[in-house]
């Protein structure tokens, strides 16, 4: 039951044309919504797992038919492995990742999960100034010893200890580098990450809140940040509310959860912000959702610039700063030399221009002799 292939068959219609019709669904194939009812889908999944456990050699032969098969990987009888997709969240090979929903139906991996990860990774790279992307790891393969897998009860449905999990994001200590990119083997001397980040969805919540909580604590990872991306309301389904939780400083194999953050909403309920403070990041982190129908933005607080940052906000700030610098050069008096002009521009690039910079520059245009006070330029700034 490795490959869940449903082939089409040719059927001649009443007018003599040949049409392709999918074969009827049966328990050998992972059910999708519309194939059957929830009880039957759940029972069929249990039956497939039981078959794999009872027929390991036949199951292995099915797996070997997949081009992505790797004999070194610990395959889990509880998951599906198709020619081009799997439900195994830790599977490291280039296939699509699907998931089981609560009713036992296979569905694409949660859309907002992937989109939020695409926002979080570059934001964390900017936070840690990791231009070479050697400290912040995107979806790395984390290998663990067989003994640790046994001790933590991390096993396949067949009882084999797991040897690898795939994290969403790991942050290494300052100056650390891996021998092989995005492959971490702590038992062989690779550094212990300081921060682990997981984005959970309804289908992965149990594993990421339980298994990985115990695993990261046992490895001594200083902080564990768990994000629920939420989901968009559809019809009568209100969707999932985003969430953000921080676990810190494992002691005796257990994390301490920081005080649950308060949800900040506007009166109409269309604005949500959840904030936690990370010691590893040295600042506050937050999920910011404009309304329930839009994906949350992951942001970090930049004390120097006094603003919440993310790649999209940074792009807007860069455009605003470039506009302000262009206008600066136009309105400053001619006797202001190029060195001072560049110092002002560099400060604005590093710290951000004043929030009311356009109004100030317009005032400079009207009163050029007061440009120093209008732009908050101290005497030290003018010194060569």
Protein backbone atom coordinates (compact mmCIF):
# COMPACT_ATOMS: atom_id res chain seq x y z
CA UNK A 1 0.00 0.00 0.00
CA UNK A 2 2.84 2.38 -0.73
CA UNK A 3 1.48 3.87 -3.91
CA UNK A 4 -2.07 5.15 -3.92
CA UNK A 5 -2.59 5.27 -7.67
CA UNK A 6 -6.08 5.47 -9.13
CA UNK A 7 -5.93 4.82 -12.83
CA UNK A 8 -8.50 5.97 -15.33
CA UNK A 9 -10.20 3.43 -17.55
CA UNK A 10 -11.63 3.88 -21.02
CA UNK A 11 -15.41 3.67 -21.24
CA UNK A 12 -17.44 3.91 -24.47
CA UNK A 13 -20.37 6.28 -24.09
CA UNK A 14 -23.77 5.94 -25.72
CA UNK A 15 -22.76 8.06 -28.72
CA UNK A 16 -19.77 5.83 -29.40
CA UNK A 17 -17.12 8.20 -28.00
CA UNK A 18 -14.45 6.85 -25.67
CA UNK A 19 -14.27 8.64 -22.31
CA UNK A 20 -11.87 8.30 -19.39
CA UNK A 21 -13.49 7.55 -16.05
CA UNK A 22 -11.66 7.13 -12.74
CA UNK A 23 -11.87 3.73 -11.13
CA UNK A 24 -14.20 3.53 -8.13
CA UNK A 25 -12.56 4.32 -4.79
CA UNK A 26 -11.63 1.45 -2.48
CA UNK A 27 -9.73 1.11 0.79
CA UNK A 28 -6.35 0.61 -0.91
CA UNK A 29 -6.32 4.30 -1.86
CA UNK A 30 -6.12 7.26 0.53
CA UNK A 31 -9.55 8.87 0.42
CA UNK A 32 -10.19 12.45 -0.56
CA UNK A 33 -13.38 14.35 0.17
CA UNK A 34 -16.08 13.15 -2.17
CA UNK A 35 -14.73 9.60 -2.37
CA UNK A 36 -16.62 8.32 0.67
CA UNK A 37 -17.83 9.34 4.13
CA UNK A 38 -15.57 10.19 7.09
CA UNK A 39 -16.14 6.96 9.04
CA UNK A 40 -15.24 4.86 6.00
CA UNK A 41 -12.18 7.00 5.24
CA UNK A 42 -10.88 6.60 8.80
CA UNK A 43 -11.55 2.85 8.76
CA UNK A 44 -9.79 2.50 5.39
CA UNK A 45 -6.71 4.28 6.70
CA UNK A 46 -6.57 1.93 9.69
CA UNK A 47 -6.93 -1.02 7.32
CA UNK A 48 -4.04 0.20 5.15
CA UNK A 49 -1.83 0.59 8.22
CA UNK A 50 -2.74 -2.92 9.40
CA UNK A 51 -1.90 -4.34 5.96
CA UNK A 52 1.54 -2.70 5.96
CA UNK A 53 2.29 -4.03 9.44
CA UNK A 54 1.18 -7.53 8.45
CA UNK A 55 2.98 -7.55 5.07
CA UNK A 56 6.27 -5.62 5.52
CA UNK A 57 8.00 -7.23 2.53
CA UNK A 58 5.14 -6.53 0.15
CA UNK A 59 4.92 -2.97 1.45
CA UNK A 60 8.67 -2.52 0.97
CA UNK A 61 8.33 -3.75 -2.62
CA UNK A 62 5.62 -1.14 -3.19
CA UNK A 63 7.89 1.58 -1.78
CA UNK A 64 10.78 0.53 -4.01
CA UNK A 65 8.66 1.31 -7.07
CA UNK A 66 8.86 5.03 -6.18
CA UNK A 67 11.75 6.93 -7.76
CA UNK A 68 12.31 8.80 -4.50
CA UNK A 69 12.66 5.62 -2.41
CA UNK A 70 15.68 5.61 -0.06
CA UNK A 71 16.49 2.35 1.80
CA UNK A 72 18.17 4.34 4.59
CA UNK A 73 15.01 6.28 5.46
CA UNK A 74 12.75 4.98 8.26
CA UNK A 75 9.38 4.76 6.54
CA UNK A 76 6.30 5.01 8.74
CA UNK A 77 3.43 2.57 8.22
CA UNK A 78 1.00 5.29 9.33
CA UNK A 79 1.74 7.40 6.26
CA UNK A 80 1.14 7.26 2.52
CA UNK A 81 4.07 7.33 0.05
CA UNK A 82 2.90 7.88 -3.51
CA UNK A 83 4.95 8.38 -6.67
CA UNK A 84 4.94 12.16 -6.24
CA UNK A 85 3.44 12.90 -2.82
CA UNK A 86 3.41 11.77 0.81
CA UNK A 87 1.63 12.47 4.08
CA UNK A 88 4.87 12.05 6.07
CA UNK A 89 5.72 15.59 7.33
CA UNK A 90 9.38 14.65 7.90
CA UNK A 91 9.98 13.10 4.47
CA UNK A 92 13.02 14.99 3.09
CA UNK A 93 12.73 14.16 -0.61
CA UNK A 94 11.32 16.27 -3.43
CA UNK A 95 7.65 15.29 -3.39
CA UNK A 96 4.46 17.17 -2.57
CA UNK A 97 3.39 17.04 1.07
CA UNK A 98 -0.25 16.29 1.77
CA UNK A 99 -1.87 15.78 5.15
CA UNK A 100 -4.78 13.97 6.76
CA UNK A 101 -7.58 16.14 8.09
CA UNK A 102 -9.57 15.28 11.21
CA UNK A 103 -12.04 13.21 9.15
CA UNK A 104 -9.39 10.97 7.61
CA UNK A 105 -9.32 12.60 4.18
CA UNK A 106 -6.08 13.49 2.40
CA UNK A 107 -5.76 17.16 1.49
CA UNK A 108 -2.94 19.45 0.33
CA UNK A 109 -0.67 20.76 3.04
CA UNK A 110 -2.26 23.78 4.65
CA UNK A 111 -1.91 26.77 2.33
CA UNK A 112 -1.34 29.31 5.10
CA UNK A 113 1.31 27.07 6.70
CA UNK A 114 3.48 27.33 3.58
CA UNK A 115 2.83 31.04 3.08
CA UNK A 116 3.64 31.93 6.69
CA UNK A 117 6.88 29.93 6.53
CA UNK A 118 7.80 31.87 3.39
CA UNK A 119 7.33 35.08 5.41
CA UNK A 120 9.01 33.96 8.63
CA UNK A 121 12.27 32.67 7.17
CA UNK A 122 13.44 35.90 5.48
CA UNK A 123 12.25 37.93 8.48
CA UNK A 124 14.44 35.84 10.81
CA UNK A 125 17.38 36.10 8.39
CA UNK A 126 17.04 39.89 8.55
CA UNK A 127 16.73 39.84 12.34
CA UNK A 128 19.96 37.87 12.73
CA UNK A 129 21.63 39.71 9.82
CA UNK A 130 22.25 36.30 8.27
CA UNK A 131 22.99 37.39 4.72
CA UNK A 132 24.76 34.13 3.83
CA UNK A 133 21.93 32.02 5.32
CA UNK A 134 24.27 29.86 7.38
CA UNK A 135 22.79 30.49 10.82
CA UNK A 136 19.07 30.48 10.04
CA UNK A 137 18.13 27.13 8.47
CA UNK A 138 15.00 26.70 6.36
CA UNK A 139 13.35 23.25 6.69
CA UNK A 140 16.55 21.45 7.76
CA UNK A 141 16.83 17.69 8.28
CA UNK A 142 17.50 17.07 11.98
CA UNK A 143 18.98 13.61 12.61
CA UNK A 144 18.69 12.03 16.05
CA UNK A 145 20.19 8.92 17.56
CA UNK A 146 18.23 5.68 17.71
CA UNK A 147 18.60 5.71 21.49
CA UNK A 148 17.01 9.16 21.76
CA UNK A 149 14.18 8.14 19.46
CA UNK A 150 13.51 5.13 21.70
CA UNK A 151 13.74 7.15 24.92
CA UNK A 152 11.24 9.73 23.69
CA UNK A 153 8.90 7.19 22.12
CA UNK A 154 9.32 8.68 18.65
CA UNK A 155 8.43 5.63 16.60
CA UNK A 156 6.75 4.64 13.38
CA UNK A 157 3.46 2.76 13.47
CA UNK A 158 5.57 -0.40 13.19
CA UNK A 159 7.59 0.46 16.31
CA UNK A 160 10.88 1.49 14.65
CA UNK A 161 12.57 4.50 16.30
CA UNK A 162 12.62 7.59 14.14
CA UNK A 163 16.04 8.81 13.08
CA UNK A 164 15.17 12.13 11.44
CA UNK A 165 12.61 14.92 11.72
CA UNK A 166 12.25 17.97 9.51
CA UNK A 167 11.98 21.27 11.34
CA UNK A 168 10.47 24.40 9.82
CA UNK A 169 13.25 26.75 10.99
CA UNK A 170 16.29 26.28 13.23
CA UNK A 171 18.60 29.08 14.39
CA UNK A 172 22.21 28.10 15.16
CA UNK A 173 24.51 29.84 17.67
CA UNK A 174 26.53 32.82 16.48
CA UNK A 175 29.44 31.77 14.28
CA UNK A 176 28.24 28.18 13.87
CA UNK A 177 28.40 26.50 10.47
CA UNK A 178 27.36 23.08 9.25
CA UNK A 179 29.50 20.69 7.22
CA UNK A 180 26.48 20.01 5.00
CA UNK A 181 23.88 22.68 4.37
CA UNK A 182 20.48 22.10 6.01
CA UNK A 183 21.56 18.76 7.53
CA UNK A 184 22.06 18.73 11.29
CA UNK A 185 23.58 15.78 13.18
CA UNK A 186 23.97 16.86 16.80
CA UNK A 187 25.14 13.41 17.94
CA UNK A 188 28.08 13.75 15.52
CA UNK A 189 29.20 17.14 16.77
CA UNK A 190 26.98 19.65 14.97
CA UNK A 191 25.96 22.61 17.18
CA UNK A 192 22.75 22.55 19.19
CA UNK A 193 20.36 25.19 17.77
CA UNK A 194 19.36 28.06 20.03
CA UNK A 195 15.87 28.43 18.59
CA UNK A 196 13.44 26.04 16.89
CA UNK A 197 10.38 27.32 15.03
CA UNK A 198 7.42 25.21 13.96
CA UNK A 199 4.32 26.35 12.10
CA UNK A 200 1.46 24.06 12.99
CA UNK A 201 -1.86 23.39 11.31
CA UNK A 202 -4.86 21.38 12.52
CA UNK A 203 -3.30 18.25 10.97
CA UNK A 204 0.14 18.68 12.55
CA UNK A 205 -0.82 20.23 15.89
CA UNK A 206 -0.48 17.04 17.97
CA UNK A 207 2.94 16.09 16.59
CA UNK A 208 4.45 19.56 16.82
CA UNK A 209 3.03 20.34 20.26
CA UNK A 210 3.96 16.98 21.74
CA UNK A 211 6.65 15.01 19.91
CA UNK A 212 8.78 17.97 18.91
CA UNK A 213 8.25 19.70 22.24
CA UNK A 214 9.84 16.72 23.98
CA UNK A 215 12.51 16.28 21.30
CA UNK A 216 13.71 19.88 21.28
CA UNK A 217 13.75 19.97 25.08
CA UNK A 218 15.81 16.76 25.22
CA UNK A 219 18.29 18.24 22.73
CA UNK A 220 18.68 21.33 24.91
CA UNK A 221 17.36 23.83 22.36
CA UNK A 222 17.02 27.03 24.34
CA UNK A 223 13.71 28.29 22.91
CA UNK A 224 10.88 26.73 20.92
CA UNK A 225 8.49 29.04 19.06
CA UNK A 226 5.21 27.50 17.91
CA UNK A 227 2.98 29.34 15.44
CA UNK A 228 -0.50 28.38 14.31
CA UNK A 229 -0.97 30.04 10.95
CA UNK A 230 -4.75 29.95 11.26
CA UNK A 231 -7.05 29.45 8.28
CA UNK A 232 -9.40 31.54 6.19
CA UNK A 233 -13.14 31.40 7.08
CA UNK A 234 -15.19 29.62 4.43
CA UNK A 235 -18.98 29.48 4.50
CA UNK A 236 -20.12 28.18 7.88
CA UNK A 237 -16.53 27.29 8.81
CA UNK A 238 -15.14 30.14 10.97
CA UNK A 239 -11.58 29.02 10.28
CA UNK A 240 -8.73 28.71 12.75
CA UNK A 241 -7.54 31.66 14.82
CA UNK A 242 -3.76 32.29 14.57
CA UNK A 243 -1.72 31.60 17.67
CA UNK A 244 1.84 32.12 18.91
CA UNK A 245 3.48 30.33 21.86
CA UNK A 246 7.02 30.44 23.22
CA UNK A 247 8.66 27.69 25.30
CA UNK A 248 11.97 28.42 27.01
CA UNK A 249 14.99 26.97 28.78
CA UNK A 250 14.32 23.24 29.14
CA UNK A 251 14.99 21.82 32.60
CA UNK A 252 14.94 18.09 33.30
CA UNK A 253 13.76 17.47 29.75
CA UNK A 254 10.78 19.82 29.99
CA UNK A 255 10.18 23.31 28.61
CA UNK A 256 8.63 26.15 30.55
CA UNK A 257 5.88 27.86 28.61
CA UNK A 258 6.04 31.61 28.84
CA UNK A 259 2.89 33.40 29.96
CA UNK A 260 0.27 33.00 27.27
CA UNK A 261 0.18 36.24 25.28
CA UNK A 262 -2.98 38.28 25.25
CA UNK A 263 -4.81 38.58 21.95
CA UNK A 264 -5.24 42.21 20.98
CA UNK A 265 -8.26 42.87 18.77
CA UNK A 266 -10.12 45.93 17.61
CA UNK A 267 -13.75 46.34 18.60
CA UNK A 268 -14.95 44.94 15.28
CA UNK A 269 -12.76 41.84 15.69
CA UNK A 270 -10.93 42.42 12.42
CA UNK A 271 -7.50 43.15 13.89
CA UNK A 272 -5.39 40.67 15.82
CA UNK A 273 -1.90 40.90 17.30
CA UNK A 274 -0.09 38.29 19.41
CA UNK A 275 3.29 39.25 20.89
CA UNK A 276 5.99 37.26 22.73
CA UNK A 277 9.52 38.21 23.78
CA UNK A 278 12.40 35.95 22.71
CA UNK A 279 15.70 35.98 24.59
CA UNK A 280 17.47 34.32 21.66
CA UNK A 281 16.20 36.99 19.27
CA UNK A 282 16.77 39.73 21.83
CA UNK A 283 13.48 41.40 20.97
CA UNK A 284 9.73 40.97 20.68
CA UNK A 285 8.13 38.85 17.97
CA UNK A 286 4.53 39.04 16.88
CA UNK A 287 1.84 37.70 14.56
CA UNK A 288 -0.18 40.56 13.11
CA UNK A 289 -3.41 39.82 11.23
CA UNK A 290 -5.33 42.65 9.57
CA UNK A 291 -8.57 40.63 9.40
CA UNK A 292 -9.60 36.96 9.63
CA UNK A 293 -9.61 36.59 5.85
CA UNK A 294 -5.93 37.45 5.43
CA UNK A 295 -2.74 35.64 6.39
CA UNK A 296 -0.94 36.89 9.50
CA UNK A 297 2.35 38.72 9.10
CA UNK A 298 5.32 37.61 11.23
CA UNK A 299 7.24 40.63 12.51
CA UNK A 300 10.06 41.56 14.89
CA UNK A 301 10.57 44.79 16.82
CA UNK A 302 13.57 46.88 15.72
CA UNK A 303 14.47 49.03 18.71
CA UNK A 304 16.86 51.18 16.69
CA UNK A 305 14.25 52.09 14.11
CA UNK A 306 11.32 51.94 16.56
CA UNK A 307 9.14 49.89 14.22
CA UNK A 308 7.87 46.39 13.52
CA UNK A 309 9.82 44.80 10.69
CA UNK A 310 9.12 42.19 8.04
CA UNK A 311 10.31 41.95 4.41
CA UNK A 312 7.22 43.69 3.02
CA UNK A 313 7.43 46.50 5.59
CA UNK A 314 11.16 46.83 4.88
CA UNK A 315 10.47 47.25 1.17
CA UNK A 316 7.96 50.00 1.90
CA UNK A 317 10.44 51.67 4.26
CA UNK A 318 13.23 51.51 1.67
CA UNK A 319 10.99 53.16 -0.91
CA UNK A 320 9.96 55.85 1.59
CA UNK A 321 13.60 56.44 2.59
CA UNK A 322 14.78 56.69 -1.02
CA UNK A 323 12.04 59.22 -1.73
CA UNK A 324 13.00 61.24 1.35
CA UNK A 325 16.72 61.24 0.46
CA UNK A 326 15.99 62.35 -3.11
CA UNK A 327 13.85 65.19 -1.76
CA UNK A 328 16.52 66.01 0.85
CA UNK A 329 19.13 66.73 -1.81
CA UNK A 330 16.68 69.00 -3.65
CA UNK A 331 15.63 71.19 -0.71
CA UNK A 332 18.88 71.57 1.26
CA UNK A 333 20.68 74.86 0.72
CA UNK A 334 23.55 74.80 -1.77
CA UNK A 335 26.11 75.49 0.97
CA UNK A 336 25.44 72.09 2.60
CA UNK A 337 28.37 69.96 1.45
CA UNK A 338 28.18 66.42 0.01
CA UNK A 339 29.78 64.82 3.10
CA UNK A 340 27.08 66.13 5.43
CA UNK A 341 24.33 65.26 2.98
CA UNK A 342 25.62 61.67 2.83
CA UNK A 343 25.83 61.42 6.64
CA UNK A 344 22.19 62.44 6.94
CA UNK A 345 21.22 59.96 4.23
CA UNK A 346 23.18 57.13 5.88
CA UNK A 347 21.53 57.80 9.23
CA UNK A 348 18.12 57.67 7.63
CA UNK A 349 18.99 54.40 5.91
CA UNK A 350 20.18 52.87 9.20
CA UNK A 351 17.59 54.27 11.60
CA UNK A 352 14.78 55.27 9.27
CA UNK A 353 13.80 58.86 8.51
CA UNK A 354 11.48 60.79 10.85
CA UNK A 355 7.88 59.64 10.54
CA UNK A 356 6.86 63.11 9.35
CA UNK A 357 9.91 63.52 7.10
CA UNK A 358 7.96 64.76 4.06
CA UNK A 359 6.32 67.53 6.08
CA UNK A 360 9.70 68.50 7.50
CA UNK A 361 11.30 68.64 4.07
CA UNK A 362 8.46 70.81 2.78
CA UNK A 363 9.10 73.15 5.73
CA UNK A 364 12.80 73.23 4.80
CA UNK A 365 11.80 74.28 1.31
CA UNK A 366 9.85 77.19 2.80
CA UNK A 367 12.49 78.12 5.40
CA UNK A 368 15.87 76.79 4.18
CA UNK A 369 17.83 78.70 6.84
CA UNK A 370 16.11 76.58 9.53
CA UNK A 371 16.97 73.21 7.96
CA UNK A 372 19.11 72.10 10.95
CA UNK A 373 16.33 72.40 13.52
CA UNK A 374 13.66 71.12 11.15
CA UNK A 375 15.68 67.95 10.41
CA UNK A 376 17.04 67.53 13.97
CA UNK A 377 20.66 67.90 12.84
CA UNK A 378 22.94 68.34 15.85
CA UNK A 379 26.27 70.22 15.69
CA UNK A 380 28.14 66.91 16.01
CA UNK A 381 26.48 65.72 12.81
CA UNK A 382 28.02 68.62 10.91
CA UNK A 383 31.56 67.97 12.11
CA UNK A 384 33.92 66.51 9.48
